[in-house]
Structures are given as structure tokens and as C-alpha cells.
Amino acid sequence: MSSRIHPQARTTPKIRQEIKDSGLSSREAAKVFNITRATAQKWLGRDDVQDRSHRAHTLHTTLSQAQEAIVLALRQSLYLPLDDLLFITKQYINPAVSRAGIARLLKREGMSRLTDLIATAEGEKILPKKTFKDY
């Protein structure tokens, strides 16, 4: 996967490789390449020169994995909208849960749209949505 390099970026993969191959200390590399010592130290210590993901390694959620499974099962079996699912979750599962937290959970698990969850009967076609003028 190739990513775009910002036109004003101080370090590109090519420059990062030069930093690694230079054999300089972090202080000297920072001075030569006009970067901070922390940046020089980071690229000197890494095995590769590509950017890493900025996504969090662990997700901090209010619900435990078991509670998340219950919420997903409720969504899948009862086809509850988000607000109703929030009410039931706050009432019976975890009072500290937020609407945004449940929305993120549903999005992460691919259940954010009710129309995608509801199975159509065999042979039944889903008609495209009409605009106001079509009526």
C-alpha cells in the first residue's frame, strides 16, 4: 500500500533510509538532516522506513466483550434502532454506556445499517428508493 507524502514533509522514506545508513548519532543526524533529535532517534532505531498505522492498538470501551456480544445479538435478532438499543443497554446491561459508543460498536461490526441486516424473502426484490419528484 503506497501512501502520499506531504509535499513539505521533512522525512520521506528516502531520507529515512539515508538517516539509517548514515551511521551518525541521533544528535549529529538531527543537525545534518534538520530534524529533531527525537525524530532522528526514532528512524535510527526502526527496522523499516515506512510509516506505521496511527490507529490505536487497544480500543478502550465501556462495554466488556460479553456485553458487546449481547448488544450485537439484540441488534441482530430484534432489529432495534440505535436509540432503542441504547435505552435497553443502559437499563439492563451497563448504565455507563454512551450512544456514540454503541454506534462505534455497530459500525465496527458492520451492523450500523438496519437495512443491511434485514434479510429479504427469497425472490423478493428491493426497490430502489425514490426521490421526491418520482412520487
C-alpha atoms as a PDB file:
ATOM      1  CA  MET A   1       0.000   0.000   0.000  1.00  0.00           C
ATOM      2  CA  SER A   2       1.558   3.276  -1.019  1.00  0.00           C
ATOM      3  CA  SER A   3       0.666   6.430   0.792  1.00  0.00           C
ATOM      4  CA  ARG A   4       1.039  10.018  -0.260  1.00  0.00           C
ATOM      5  CA  ILE A   5       3.905  12.006   1.153  1.00  0.00           C
ATOM      6  CA  HIS A   6       3.076  15.545   2.172  1.00  0.00           C
ATOM      7  CA  PRO A   7       4.917  17.993  -0.092  1.00  0.00           C
ATOM      8  CA  GLN A   8       6.505  19.758   2.896  1.00  0.00           C
ATOM      9  CA  ALA A   9       7.369  16.603   4.827  1.00  0.00           C
ATOM     10  CA  ARG A  10      10.784  16.711   6.495  1.00  0.00           C
ATOM     11  CA  THR A  11      11.338  12.985   6.235  1.00  0.00           C
ATOM     12  CA  THR A  12      10.397  10.794   3.312  1.00  0.00           C
ATOM     13  CA  PRO A  13      11.192   7.090   3.037  1.00  0.00           C
ATOM     14  CA  LYS A  14      14.291   8.018   1.017  1.00  0.00           C
ATOM     15  CA  ILE A  15      15.567  10.450   3.663  1.00  0.00           C
ATOM     16  CA  ARG A  16      14.721   7.994   6.439  1.00  0.00           C
ATOM     17  CA  GLN A  17      16.862   5.372   4.716  1.00  0.00           C
ATOM     18  CA  GLU A  18      19.692   7.898   4.460  1.00  0.00           C
ATOM     19  CA  ILE A  19      19.380   8.578   8.198  1.00  0.00           C
ATOM     20  CA  LYS A  20      19.588   4.858   8.950  1.00  0.00           C
ATOM     21  CA  ASP A  21      22.569   4.320   6.624  1.00  0.00           C
ATOM     22  CA  SER A  22      24.465   7.419   7.757  1.00  0.00           C
ATOM     23  CA  GLY A  23      25.928   5.828  10.890  1.00  0.00           C
ATOM     24  CA  LEU A  24      25.602   9.150  12.716  1.00  0.00           C
ATOM     25  CA  SER A  25      24.432   9.597  16.277  1.00  0.00           C
ATOM     26  CA  SER A  26      20.933  10.973  16.839  1.00  0.00           C
ATOM     27  CA  ARG A  27      22.347  14.413  17.692  1.00  0.00           C
ATOM     28  CA  GLU A  28      24.504  14.561  14.553  1.00  0.00           C
ATOM     29  CA  ALA A  29      21.743  13.171  12.316  1.00  0.00           C
ATOM     30  CA  ALA A  30      19.312  15.754  13.684  1.00  0.00           C
ATOM     31  CA  LYS A  31      21.719  18.545  12.831  1.00  0.00           C
ATOM     32  CA  VAL A  32      22.581  17.215   9.346  1.00  0.00           C
ATOM     33  CA  PHE A  33      19.006  16.445   8.273  1.00  0.00           C
ATOM     34  CA  ASN A  34      17.421  19.443  10.050  1.00  0.00           C
ATOM     35  CA  ILE A  35      15.062  17.357  12.202  1.00  0.00           C
ATOM     36  CA  THR A  36      14.561  16.965  15.926  1.00  0.00           C
ATOM     37  CA  ARG A  37      16.663  14.552  17.967  1.00  0.00           C
ATOM     38  CA  ALA A  38      13.526  12.528  18.784  1.00  0.00           C
ATOM     39  CA  THR A  39      12.762  12.074  15.081  1.00  0.00           C
ATOM     40  CA  ALA A  40      16.344  11.095  14.330  1.00  0.00           C
ATOM     41  CA  GLN A  41      16.346   8.620  17.218  1.00  0.00           C
ATOM     42  CA  LYS A  42      13.051   7.139  16.037  1.00  0.00           C
ATOM     43  CA  TRP A  43      14.299   6.461  12.499  1.00  0.00           C
ATOM     44  CA  LEU A  44      17.697   5.229  13.680  1.00  0.00           C
ATOM     45  CA  GLY A  45      16.010   2.685  15.933  1.00  0.00           C
ATOM     46  CA  ARG A  46      13.455   1.360  13.440  1.00  0.00           C
ATOM     47  CA  ASP A  47      13.936  -1.639  11.172  1.00  0.00           C
ATOM     48  CA  ASP A  48      11.904  -0.211   8.294  1.00  0.00           C
ATOM     49  CA  VAL A  49      11.418   3.280   6.877  1.00  0.00           C
ATOM     50  CA  GLN A  50       7.660   3.158   6.233  1.00  0.00           C
ATOM     51  CA  ASP A  51       5.051   4.956   8.319  1.00  0.00           C
ATOM     52  CA  ARG A  52       3.130   2.885  10.815  1.00  0.00           C
ATOM     53  CA  SER A  53      -0.583   2.940  11.475  1.00  0.00           C
ATOM     54  CA  HIS A  54      -1.923   5.682  13.721  1.00  0.00           C
ATOM     55  CA  ARG A  55      -4.837   3.508  14.793  1.00  0.00           C
ATOM     56  CA  ALA A  56      -4.992   2.586  18.449  1.00  0.00           C
ATOM     57  CA  HIS A  57      -3.707  -0.877  19.310  1.00  0.00           C
ATOM     58  CA  THR A  58      -6.304  -1.389  22.031  1.00  0.00           C
ATOM     59  CA  LEU A  59      -9.812   0.038  21.988  1.00  0.00           C
ATOM     60  CA  HIS A  60     -10.981   1.481  25.293  1.00  0.00           C
ATOM     61  CA  THR A  61     -14.688   0.732  25.504  1.00  0.00           C
ATOM     62  CA  THR A  62     -17.223   0.875  28.313  1.00  0.00           C
ATOM     63  CA  LEU A  63     -18.735  -2.493  27.443  1.00  0.00           C
ATOM     64  CA  SER A  64     -16.941  -5.765  28.085  1.00  0.00           C
ATOM     65  CA  GLN A  65     -16.671  -8.331  25.279  1.00  0.00           C
ATOM     66  CA  ALA A  66     -19.569 -10.325  26.719  1.00  0.00           C
ATOM     67  CA  GLN A  67     -21.734  -7.196  26.941  1.00  0.00           C
ATOM     68  CA  GLU A  68     -20.812  -6.253  23.369  1.00  0.00           C
ATOM     69  CA  ALA A  69     -21.891  -9.719  22.218  1.00  0.00           C
ATOM     70  CA  ILE A  70     -25.259  -9.280  23.962  1.00  0.00           C
ATOM     71  CA  VAL A  71     -25.811  -5.866  22.341  1.00  0.00           C
ATOM     72  CA  LEU A  72     -24.935  -7.264  18.902  1.00  0.00           C
ATOM     73  CA  ALA A  73     -27.267 -10.225  19.427  1.00  0.00           C
ATOM     74  CA  LEU A  74     -30.096  -7.854  20.392  1.00  0.00           C
ATOM     75  CA  ARG A  75     -29.477  -5.779  17.294  1.00  0.00           C
ATOM     76  CA  GLN A  76     -29.401  -8.821  15.030  1.00  0.00           C
ATOM     77  CA  SER A  77     -32.427 -10.591  16.450  1.00  0.00           C
ATOM     78  CA  LEU A  78     -34.782  -7.708  17.277  1.00  0.00           C
ATOM     79  CA  TYR A  79     -33.647  -5.185  14.611  1.00  0.00           C
ATOM     80  CA  LEU A  80     -33.684  -2.384  17.158  1.00  0.00           C
ATOM     81  CA  PRO A  81     -32.831   1.159  16.106  1.00  0.00           C
ATOM     82  CA  LEU A  82     -29.877   2.809  17.833  1.00  0.00           C
ATOM     83  CA  ASP A  83     -31.889   4.823  20.361  1.00  0.00           C
ATOM     84  CA  ASP A  84     -33.944   1.813  21.459  1.00  0.00           C
ATOM     85  CA  LEU A  85     -30.796  -0.280  21.700  1.00  0.00           C
ATOM     86  CA  LEU A  86     -29.210   2.456  23.818  1.00  0.00           C
ATOM     87  CA  PHE A  87     -32.199   2.514  26.185  1.00  0.00           C
ATOM     88  CA  ILE A  88     -32.164  -1.256  26.699  1.00  0.00           C
ATOM     89  CA  THR A  89     -28.386  -1.337  27.105  1.00  0.00           C
ATOM     90  CA  LYS A  90     -28.428   1.452  29.702  1.00  0.00           C
ATOM     91  CA  GLN A  91     -31.363  -0.074  31.542  1.00  0.00           C
ATOM     92  CA  TYR A  92     -30.280  -3.708  31.723  1.00  0.00           C
ATOM     93  CA  ILE A  93     -26.636  -4.159  30.670  1.00  0.00           C
ATOM     94  CA  ASN A  94     -24.428  -1.173  31.523  1.00  0.00           C
ATOM     95  CA  PRO A  95     -25.685   2.228  32.719  1.00  0.00           C
ATOM     96  CA  ALA A  96     -22.413   3.963  31.784  1.00  0.00           C
ATOM     97  CA  VAL A  97     -22.658   3.233  28.041  1.00  0.00           C
ATOM     98  CA  SER A  98     -22.982   6.134  25.593  1.00  0.00           C
ATOM     99  CA  ARG A  99     -24.869   6.447  22.334  1.00  0.00           C
ATOM    100  CA  ALA A 100     -21.638   7.131  20.452  1.00  0.00           C
ATOM    101  CA  GLY A 101     -20.026   4.047  21.977  1.00  0.00           C
ATOM    102  CA  ILE A 102     -22.827   1.807  20.751  1.00  0.00           C
ATOM    103  CA  ALA A 103     -22.757   3.478  17.326  1.00  0.00           C
ATOM    104  CA  ARG A 104     -18.995   2.823  17.069  1.00  0.00           C
ATOM    105  CA  LEU A 105     -19.527  -0.801  18.113  1.00  0.00           C
ATOM    106  CA  LEU A 106     -22.198  -1.337  15.464  1.00  0.00           C
ATOM    107  CA  LYS A 107     -20.060   0.336  12.794  1.00  0.00           C
ATOM    108  CA  ARG A 108     -17.005  -1.733  13.767  1.00  0.00           C
ATOM    109  CA  GLU A 109     -19.025  -4.956  13.486  1.00  0.00           C
ATOM    110  CA  GLY A 110     -20.777  -3.989  10.233  1.00  0.00           C
ATOM    111  CA  MET A 111     -24.235  -3.689  11.780  1.00  0.00           C
ATOM    112  CA  SER A 112     -24.707   0.057  11.636  1.00  0.00           C
ATOM    113  CA  ARG A 113     -27.446  -0.016   8.971  1.00  0.00           C
ATOM    114  CA  LEU A 114     -30.677  -1.844   9.735  1.00  0.00           C
ATOM    115  CA  THR A 115     -31.494  -2.256   6.051  1.00  0.00           C
ATOM    116  CA  ASP A 116     -28.340  -4.345   5.607  1.00  0.00           C
ATOM    117  CA  LEU A 117     -29.344  -6.612   8.495  1.00  0.00           C
ATOM    118  CA  ILE A 118     -32.915  -7.358   7.492  1.00  0.00           C
ATOM    119  CA  ALA A 119     -32.919 -10.343   5.171  1.00  0.00           C
ATOM    120  CA  THR A 120     -35.288 -10.180   2.219  1.00  0.00           C
ATOM    121  CA  ALA A 121     -37.530 -13.111   1.359  1.00  0.00           C
ATOM    122  CA  GLU A 122     -36.306 -15.326  -1.438  1.00  0.00           C
ATOM    123  CA  GLY A 123     -37.283 -13.957  -4.838  1.00  0.00           C
ATOM    124  CA  GLU A 124     -38.265 -10.590  -3.377  1.00  0.00           C
ATOM    125  CA  LYS A 125     -36.595  -7.578  -4.935  1.00  0.00           C
ATOM    126  CA  ILE A 126     -35.597  -4.479  -3.075  1.00  0.00           C
ATOM    127  CA  LEU A 127     -36.953  -1.481  -4.931  1.00  0.00           C
ATOM    128  CA  PRO A 128     -34.619   1.486  -5.224  1.00  0.00           C
ATOM    129  CA  LYS A 129     -35.537   4.488  -3.112  1.00  0.00           C
ATOM    130  CA  LYS A 130     -37.410   7.175  -4.975  1.00  0.00           C
ATOM    131  CA  THR A 131     -36.732  10.863  -4.817  1.00  0.00           C
ATOM    132  CA  PHE A 132     -39.498  13.328  -4.048  1.00  0.00           C
ATOM    133  CA  LYS A 133     -40.045  14.138  -7.726  1.00  0.00           C
ATOM    134  CA  ASP A 134     -40.598  10.468  -8.563  1.00  0.00           C
ATOM    135  CA  TYR A 135     -43.699  10.399  -6.394  1.00  0.00           C
END
